[in-house]
Amino acid sequence: MELEQNYMIYKTGDFQEKWNAYISLLYKPLIENDACMLYDLFLSLDQTSITLEKLLMLYGSYANRFDASKKKLENYELIKTYYDPISRKNIIEVYPPLNAESFLNHDTFSRLFLNQCGSSHFDFVKLHFNDEVGKTNYVDISEKMDLSCLESWTQEKEETYLNLKPEEGKLKYDFDFETFLKGADRIFPMRYRTKENLSRIASLASIHGIDAVDMRKYVQRSINPNTHVFDFEKLKKQVYANQKIIKPTEDPYKMSPVKFLQNKQQGAPVANADRKVIEKLIKNYSFSNEVMNVLIEYCLNQTQQKFSKAYVEKVAASWIRLQVDSKEKALEVCRQENQVKKPAPKLPDWYQNTEQSVPDDDLVQQALSLQRQLGKEKNDEI
């Protein structure tokens, strides 16, 4: 291992509230303390570029111990490592642990856990996480917060609040919030307009090409009239069901990625799996719509119009290493890739030598004499 090697570390996926408990009680008996410490270190270095030498210093150990712990994390799918042999750089993606139910039902992990810890500890852990493992037939009857106190919240109060809140808390998205929120006090009351909700709504609209009018309709259908709970998963299902075809703009790369892909397949609906791949890449790598669309086009051209998840993610990771952060850079990378050709076979030096020598008179006379003699012998045979 070379100490100068560079690592880019990214945290990916949704980390649940109990992720630390899952690591301590489920994974730690299998991967041991050193690997847990390395996992915590990787999480602390999210979106950081760092050399191996610096990593080892922060980890407080030698390279062989670091490598052993990293392999354990890879074996249990807590991290994935990618390597570019050209730039000699690495990308480490850090994933959340499985929850208790998924872990204890995993064909491999659960057997290894039982083998390592025994049936008594297995039952203890199952009981500890009983609210996850055994609540399949239960109904949530918990008391919901009474939000009626915000019924009197007005647009004037909202504007005052936005002016008073810290600058970093304000939202800036390429989404028509003015149309979306206009006259929507009853459809989408102020109490639902949290930063998280507005951010997720704007992100969905941008990726899937949903205008403000349609989005307001979908949001209204996603609020339970009885519990007054905003169901984001229900909103996603409605967005996924939207198959409205949008004609390409003057610059097609400015389209939403899902609609761009839909146009590439002659208006055919985009599969949910493909939508999720696009969402993941934009979330994890912060690709703009333009860069994402160039990436989609490039991958389709390279794979005979197949949108392969593994290939798309591989190309996306290489673009991160190449620091592709604009449409122009993305198109330039594609152009360079398309210009790469196999080198022509090298010909011997004599092949290029076209110079001809003129034979002397004696040699010409000998050749003519030989021709006449051969002709005479042929006639005699006839």
Protein backbone atom coordinates (compact mmCIF):
# COMPACT_ATOMS: atom_id res chain seq x y z
CA MET A 1 0.00 0.00 0.00
CA GLU A 2 1.35 3.39 -1.03
CA LEU A 3 1.05 6.13 1.56
CA GLU A 4 0.51 8.75 -1.16
CA GLN A 5 -2.66 7.04 -2.43
CA ASN A 6 -5.67 9.34 -2.33
CA TYR A 7 -9.10 8.39 -0.97
CA MET A 8 -12.40 10.20 -1.60
CA ILE A 9 -14.93 9.24 1.08
CA TYR A 10 -18.69 9.59 0.63
CA LYS A 11 -21.55 8.63 2.93
CA THR A 12 -24.48 7.19 1.01
CA GLY A 13 -27.94 5.92 1.92
CA ASP A 14 -30.31 6.80 4.74
CA PHE A 15 -28.90 6.28 8.23
CA GLN A 16 -31.69 5.37 10.62
CA GLU A 17 -31.90 6.73 14.14
CA LYS A 18 -30.63 3.46 15.66
CA TRP A 19 -27.77 2.86 13.22
CA ASN A 20 -25.20 3.11 16.03
CA ALA A 21 -27.04 0.45 18.06
CA TYR A 22 -27.08 -1.85 15.02
CA ILE A 23 -23.31 -1.50 14.67
CA SER A 24 -22.63 -2.08 18.38
CA LEU A 25 -24.98 -5.00 19.01
CA LEU A 26 -25.17 -6.74 15.62
CA TYR A 27 -22.04 -6.04 13.60
CA LYS A 28 -19.38 -5.53 16.28
CA PRO A 29 -19.28 -9.18 17.46
CA LEU A 30 -18.49 -10.14 13.85
CA ILE A 31 -16.20 -7.38 12.59
CA GLU A 32 -14.56 -6.58 15.96
CA ASN A 33 -13.64 -3.26 17.53
CA ASP A 34 -10.93 -2.16 15.06
CA ALA A 35 -13.31 -2.31 12.11
CA CYS A 36 -15.99 -0.40 14.08
CA MET A 37 -13.47 2.34 14.82
CA LEU A 38 -12.56 2.56 11.13
CA TYR A 39 -16.26 2.73 10.19
CA ASP A 40 -16.77 5.67 12.57
CA LEU A 41 -13.71 7.35 11.09
CA PHE A 42 -15.02 7.01 7.54
CA LEU A 43 -18.36 8.51 8.61
CA SER A 44 -16.53 11.45 10.19
CA LEU A 45 -14.65 12.04 6.92
CA ASP A 46 -17.74 12.24 4.71
CA GLN A 47 -17.02 14.14 1.45
CA THR A 48 -13.33 14.36 2.29
CA SER A 49 -10.28 13.79 0.09
CA ILE A 50 -7.44 12.31 2.14
CA THR A 51 -4.19 10.41 1.65
CA LEU A 52 -3.60 6.94 3.06
CA GLU A 53 -0.82 8.35 5.25
CA LYS A 54 -3.24 10.80 6.85
CA LEU A 55 -5.88 8.09 7.22
CA LEU A 56 -3.45 5.84 9.06
CA MET A 57 -2.47 8.68 11.37
CA LEU A 58 -6.13 9.35 12.24
CA TYR A 59 -6.81 5.64 12.62
CA GLY A 60 -3.81 5.27 14.88
CA SER A 61 -2.51 2.03 13.44
CA TYR A 62 -0.39 0.41 10.73
CA ALA A 63 -1.32 -0.26 7.10
CA ASN A 64 -1.85 -4.02 7.52
CA ARG A 65 -4.27 -3.49 10.41
CA PHE A 66 -6.09 -0.79 8.42
CA ASP A 67 -6.37 -3.10 5.40
CA ALA A 68 -7.71 -5.99 7.50
CA SER A 69 -10.39 -3.79 9.08
CA LYS A 70 -11.35 -2.30 5.70
CA LYS A 71 -11.83 -5.78 4.24
CA LYS A 72 -14.15 -6.72 7.11
CA LEU A 73 -16.28 -3.64 6.42
CA GLU A 74 -16.39 -4.59 2.74
CA ASN A 75 -17.35 -8.18 3.56
CA TYR A 76 -20.34 -6.98 5.59
CA GLU A 77 -21.32 -4.43 2.91
CA LEU A 78 -20.75 -1.43 5.17
CA ILE A 79 -18.39 0.13 2.62
CA LYS A 80 -17.52 -0.28 -1.06
CA THR A 81 -14.12 0.62 -2.49
CA TYR A 82 -13.48 1.72 -6.08
CA TYR A 83 -10.05 2.18 -7.64
CA ASP A 84 -8.98 4.04 -10.79
CA PRO A 85 -5.67 2.54 -12.03
CA ILE A 86 -5.01 5.57 -14.26
CA SER A 87 -5.30 8.30 -11.65
CA ARG A 88 -4.43 5.83 -8.87
CA LYS A 89 -7.22 7.26 -6.73
CA ASN A 90 -9.76 5.46 -4.55
CA ILE A 91 -13.39 6.14 -3.71
CA ILE A 92 -14.89 4.73 -0.53
CA GLU A 93 -18.67 4.73 -0.22
CA VAL A 94 -19.95 4.27 3.34
CA TYR A 95 -23.31 2.53 3.67
CA PRO A 96 -25.70 2.35 6.64
CA PRO A 97 -25.99 -0.94 8.55
CA LEU A 98 -28.98 -3.18 8.07
CA ASN A 99 -31.70 -2.70 10.65
CA ALA A 100 -32.31 -5.46 13.18
CA GLU A 101 -35.08 -7.17 11.25
CA SER A 102 -33.10 -7.26 8.00
CA PHE A 103 -29.89 -8.35 9.74
CA LEU A 104 -31.46 -11.20 11.73
CA ASN A 105 -33.24 -12.43 8.60
CA HIS A 106 -30.17 -12.17 6.38
CA ASP A 107 -29.22 -15.65 5.14
CA THR A 108 -25.50 -15.17 5.80
CA PHE A 109 -25.17 -12.53 8.53
CA SER A 110 -27.71 -14.14 10.86
CA ARG A 111 -26.01 -17.55 10.64
CA LEU A 112 -22.58 -16.03 11.29
CA PHE A 113 -24.01 -14.09 14.22
CA LEU A 114 -25.58 -17.21 15.76
CA ASN A 115 -22.38 -19.16 15.22
CA GLN A 116 -20.27 -16.44 16.86
CA CYS A 117 -22.52 -15.41 19.77
CA GLY A 118 -24.69 -18.45 20.49
CA SER A 119 -28.45 -18.87 20.77
CA SER A 120 -28.74 -17.11 24.15
CA HIS A 121 -27.27 -13.84 22.88
CA PHE A 122 -29.21 -14.18 19.62
CA ASP A 123 -32.46 -14.27 21.64
CA PHE A 124 -31.30 -11.33 23.74
CA VAL A 125 -30.68 -9.17 20.67
CA LYS A 126 -33.95 -10.24 19.10
CA LEU A 127 -35.78 -9.27 22.29
CA HIS A 128 -33.90 -5.97 22.53
CA PHE A 129 -35.03 -5.02 19.02
CA ASN A 130 -38.44 -6.57 19.47
CA ASP A 131 -40.21 -3.40 18.34
CA GLU A 132 -38.65 -3.91 14.89
CA VAL A 133 -38.50 -7.68 14.61
CA GLY A 134 -41.92 -8.57 15.96
CA LYS A 135 -44.30 -5.70 15.11
CA THR A 136 -45.49 -6.99 11.73
CA ASN A 137 -49.08 -7.53 12.93
CA TYR A 138 -49.20 -4.45 15.15
CA VAL A 139 -50.98 -1.20 14.34
CA ASP A 140 -49.50 2.15 15.32
CA ILE A 141 -51.93 3.71 17.80
CA SER A 142 -49.53 6.33 19.15
CA GLU A 143 -50.91 9.78 19.87
CA LYS A 144 -50.09 12.26 17.12
CA MET A 145 -49.07 15.83 17.87
CA ASP A 146 -51.97 18.27 17.73
CA LEU A 147 -51.00 20.82 15.10
CA SER A 148 -54.27 22.75 15.25
CA CYS A 149 -52.40 25.59 16.98
CA LEU A 150 -50.87 26.44 13.59
CA GLU A 151 -54.22 26.68 11.80
CA SER A 152 -54.15 30.46 12.26
CA TRP A 153 -50.71 30.72 10.66
CA THR A 154 -50.92 33.20 7.78
CA GLN A 155 -48.80 34.10 4.78
CA GLU A 156 -47.86 37.33 6.54
CA LYS A 157 -46.52 35.37 9.52
CA GLU A 158 -44.65 33.07 7.18
CA GLU A 159 -42.93 36.01 5.48
CA THR A 160 -41.98 37.46 8.86
CA TYR A 161 -40.60 34.08 9.91
CA LEU A 162 -38.53 33.72 6.73
CA ASN A 163 -37.04 37.17 7.27
CA LEU A 164 -36.10 36.38 10.84
CA LYS A 165 -34.68 32.87 10.42
CA PRO A 166 -30.93 32.42 9.76
CA GLU A 167 -29.80 32.95 6.18
CA GLU A 168 -28.50 29.40 5.77
CA GLY A 169 -31.95 28.06 6.52
CA LYS A 170 -33.54 29.62 3.46
CA LEU A 171 -34.25 27.43 0.46
CA LYS A 172 -33.06 28.11 -3.08
CA TYR A 173 -34.33 25.72 -5.74
CA ASP A 174 -35.08 25.81 -9.43
CA PHE A 175 -38.74 25.16 -8.70
CA ASP A 176 -41.70 27.49 -9.01
CA PHE A 177 -42.57 27.73 -5.31
CA GLU A 178 -44.61 30.86 -5.94
CA THR A 179 -47.12 28.98 -8.13
CA PHE A 180 -46.95 25.89 -5.92
CA LEU A 181 -47.80 27.80 -2.71
CA LYS A 182 -50.15 30.40 -4.16
CA GLY A 183 -53.57 29.96 -2.55
CA ALA A 184 -52.44 26.67 -0.97
CA ASP A 185 -53.04 27.60 2.68
CA ARG A 186 -55.68 24.87 3.00
CA ILE A 187 -54.21 22.41 0.50
CA PHE A 188 -50.70 22.54 1.99
CA PRO A 189 -50.90 24.43 5.31
CA MET A 190 -47.96 26.30 6.78
CA ARG A 191 -47.24 23.59 9.35
CA TYR A 192 -46.16 21.23 6.55
CA ARG A 193 -43.80 23.73 4.94
CA THR A 194 -40.67 22.64 6.74
CA LYS A 195 -37.28 22.95 5.12
CA GLU A 196 -37.06 19.17 4.73
CA ASN A 197 -40.49 18.84 3.10
CA LEU A 198 -39.95 21.70 0.67
CA SER A 199 -36.48 20.44 -0.19
CA ARG A 200 -37.71 16.92 -0.98
CA ILE A 201 -40.64 18.24 -3.01
CA ALA A 202 -38.39 20.51 -5.08
CA SER A 203 -35.89 17.69 -5.62
CA LEU A 204 -38.60 15.30 -6.84
CA ALA A 205 -39.99 17.93 -9.19
CA SER A 206 -36.56 18.72 -10.64
CA ILE A 207 -35.53 15.09 -11.22
CA HIS A 208 -38.85 13.82 -12.57
CA GLY A 209 -40.01 16.89 -14.49
CA ILE A 210 -43.14 17.73 -12.48
CA ASP A 211 -44.47 21.27 -12.79
CA ALA A 212 -45.77 23.27 -9.84
CA VAL A 213 -49.45 22.73 -10.71
CA ASP A 214 -49.20 18.94 -10.89
CA MET A 215 -46.97 18.80 -7.82
CA ARG A 216 -49.51 20.73 -5.75
CA LYS A 217 -52.17 18.21 -6.83
CA TYR A 218 -49.95 15.26 -5.85
CA VAL A 219 -49.04 16.82 -2.49
CA GLN A 220 -52.71 17.38 -1.63
CA ARG A 221 -53.43 13.69 -2.30
CA SER A 222 -50.50 12.72 -0.05
CA ILE A 223 -51.93 14.32 3.11
CA ASN A 224 -54.13 11.99 5.15
CA PRO A 225 -57.33 13.94 5.92
CA ASN A 226 -57.86 11.99 9.14
CA THR A 227 -54.39 11.94 10.67
CA HIS A 228 -53.15 15.10 8.88
CA VAL A 229 -49.86 13.35 8.17
CA PHE A 230 -47.90 14.21 5.03
CA ASP A 231 -46.96 10.86 3.43
CA PHE A 232 -43.86 11.43 1.30
CA GLU A 233 -43.78 7.83 0.03
CA LYS A 234 -47.31 8.25 -1.29
CA LEU A 235 -46.16 11.42 -3.02
CA LYS A 236 -43.29 9.52 -4.68
CA LYS A 237 -45.68 6.87 -5.99
CA GLN A 238 -47.78 9.55 -7.68
CA VAL A 239 -44.70 11.20 -9.14
CA TYR A 240 -43.46 7.84 -10.45
CA ALA A 241 -46.86 7.26 -12.08
CA ASN A 242 -46.55 10.51 -14.04
CA GLN A 243 -45.73 9.49 -17.62
CA LYS A 244 -46.49 12.83 -19.27
CA ILE A 245 -44.25 13.31 -22.30
CA ILE A 246 -42.41 16.63 -22.52
CA LYS A 247 -40.98 17.78 -25.84
CA PRO A 248 -37.24 18.49 -25.81
CA THR A 249 -36.31 22.12 -25.27
CA GLU A 250 -33.81 24.05 -27.38
CA ASP A 251 -31.13 22.63 -25.12
CA PRO A 252 -32.31 19.07 -24.30
CA TYR A 253 -29.70 18.73 -21.56
CA LYS A 254 -31.67 21.25 -19.48
CA MET A 255 -34.59 18.81 -19.22
CA SER A 256 -35.28 16.84 -16.06
CA PRO A 257 -33.25 13.60 -16.17
CA VAL A 258 -36.28 11.30 -16.08
CA LYS A 259 -37.99 13.14 -18.95
CA PHE A 260 -34.68 13.22 -20.83
CA LEU A 261 -34.42 9.42 -20.54
CA GLN A 262 -38.09 9.04 -21.49
CA ASN A 263 -37.45 11.00 -24.70
CA LYS A 264 -34.43 8.81 -25.42
CA GLN A 265 -36.72 5.78 -25.40
CA GLN A 266 -39.34 7.34 -27.69
CA GLY A 267 -41.74 8.28 -24.92
CA ALA A 268 -41.87 4.84 -23.28
CA PRO A 269 -42.34 4.97 -19.48
CA VAL A 270 -39.16 5.05 -17.42
CA ALA A 271 -38.84 2.03 -15.14
CA ASN A 272 -38.96 2.71 -11.40
CA ALA A 273 -35.56 1.05 -11.01
CA ASP A 274 -34.05 3.52 -13.50
CA ARG A 275 -35.70 6.44 -11.69
CA LYS A 276 -34.14 5.29 -8.42
CA VAL A 277 -30.69 5.06 -10.02
CA ILE A 278 -31.00 8.65 -11.24
CA GLU A 279 -32.21 9.85 -7.82
CA LYS A 280 -29.32 8.08 -6.08
CA LEU A 281 -26.63 9.55 -8.32
CA ILE A 282 -27.97 13.09 -8.06
CA LYS A 283 -28.23 12.77 -4.27
CA ASN A 284 -24.87 11.09 -3.68
CA TYR A 285 -22.76 12.95 -6.24
CA SER A 286 -24.64 16.28 -6.41
CA PHE A 287 -24.85 16.09 -10.20
CA SER A 288 -26.78 18.88 -11.88
CA ASN A 289 -29.56 17.88 -14.29
CA GLU A 290 -27.34 18.82 -17.23
CA VAL A 291 -24.44 16.63 -16.10
CA MET A 292 -26.83 13.78 -15.30
CA ASN A 293 -28.37 13.99 -18.78
CA VAL A 294 -24.99 13.90 -20.50
CA LEU A 295 -24.13 10.88 -18.34
CA ILE A 296 -27.39 9.15 -19.35
CA GLU A 297 -26.73 9.80 -23.04
CA TYR A 298 -23.13 8.60 -22.84
CA CYS A 299 -24.03 5.37 -21.02
CA LEU A 300 -26.82 4.56 -23.48
CA ASN A 301 -24.48 5.08 -26.43
CA GLN A 302 -21.79 2.88 -24.89
CA THR A 303 -24.08 -0.03 -23.97
CA GLN A 304 -26.38 -0.33 -27.01
CA GLN A 305 -29.11 1.70 -25.26
CA LYS A 306 -29.03 -0.38 -22.06
CA PHE A 307 -29.33 1.57 -18.81
CA SER A 308 -27.25 -0.76 -16.66
CA LYS A 309 -27.14 0.30 -12.98
CA ALA A 310 -23.64 -1.09 -12.41
CA TYR A 311 -22.20 0.56 -15.52
CA VAL A 312 -23.90 3.91 -14.89
CA GLU A 313 -22.60 4.01 -11.31
CA LYS A 314 -19.10 3.09 -12.50
CA VAL A 315 -19.04 5.93 -15.02
CA ALA A 316 -20.51 8.35 -12.46
CA ALA A 317 -17.76 7.49 -9.98
CA SER A 318 -15.09 8.12 -12.63
CA TRP A 319 -16.65 11.51 -13.44
CA ILE A 320 -16.43 12.46 -9.78
CA ARG A 321 -12.72 11.64 -9.85
CA LEU A 322 -12.38 13.73 -13.01
CA GLN A 323 -14.23 16.58 -11.24
CA VAL A 324 -16.94 16.78 -13.90
CA ASP A 325 -19.26 19.45 -12.50
CA SER A 326 -20.71 21.11 -15.61
CA LYS A 327 -22.30 20.20 -18.93
CA GLU A 328 -19.27 21.49 -20.82
CA LYS A 329 -16.85 19.29 -18.86
CA ALA A 330 -19.14 16.28 -19.26
CA LEU A 331 -19.36 16.73 -23.05
CA GLU A 332 -15.59 17.17 -23.27
CA VAL A 333 -15.02 13.90 -21.39
CA CYS A 334 -17.40 12.13 -23.78
CA ARG A 335 -15.64 13.65 -26.80
CA GLN A 336 -12.23 12.50 -25.56
CA GLU A 337 -13.54 8.99 -24.90
CA ASN A 338 -15.01 8.76 -28.40
CA GLN A 339 -11.72 9.83 -29.99
CA VAL A 340 -9.76 7.00 -28.40
CA LYS A 341 -8.88 4.53 -31.20
CA LYS A 342 -6.72 1.44 -31.50
CA PRO A 343 -3.21 2.26 -32.77
CA ALA A 344 -2.54 1.32 -36.40
CA PRO A 345 -0.17 -1.65 -36.87
CA LYS A 346 3.42 -0.59 -37.44
CA LEU A 347 4.70 -1.43 -40.93
CA PRO A 348 8.31 -2.40 -41.71
CA ASP A 349 10.65 0.29 -42.99
CA TRP A 350 10.96 -1.28 -46.44
CA TYR A 351 7.16 -0.91 -46.96
CA GLN A 352 7.53 2.85 -47.16
CA ASN A 353 10.46 2.69 -49.59
CA THR A 354 8.92 3.35 -53.04
CA GLU A 355 12.16 4.21 -54.79
CA GLN A 356 12.79 1.97 -57.87
CA SER A 357 16.20 1.13 -59.29
CA VAL A 358 16.77 1.10 -63.08
CA PRO A 359 18.31 -2.21 -64.35
CA ASP A 360 21.49 -1.99 -66.47
CA ASP A 361 21.52 -2.90 -70.25
CA ASP A 362 23.28 -6.27 -69.81
CA LEU A 363 20.64 -7.45 -67.37
CA VAL A 364 17.85 -6.40 -69.77
CA GLN A 365 19.48 -8.26 -72.70
CA GLN A 366 19.83 -11.42 -70.61
CA ALA A 367 16.15 -11.31 -69.66
CA LEU A 368 15.03 -10.85 -73.27
CA SER A 369 17.23 -13.70 -74.44
CA LEU A 370 15.78 -15.98 -71.79
CA GLN A 371 12.25 -15.06 -72.89
CA ARG A 372 12.99 -15.89 -76.56
CA GLN A 373 14.56 -19.22 -75.61
CA LEU A 374 11.57 -20.22 -73.47
CA GLY A 375 9.19 -19.23 -76.27
CA LYS A 376 11.09 -21.31 -78.82
CA GLU A 377 11.07 -24.41 -76.57
CA LYS A 378 7.32 -24.06 -76.09
CA ASN A 379 6.70 -23.90 -79.88
CA ASP A 380 8.87 -27.00 -80.46
CA GLU A 381 6.75 -28.94 -77.97
CA ILE A 382 3.59 -28.00 -79.86
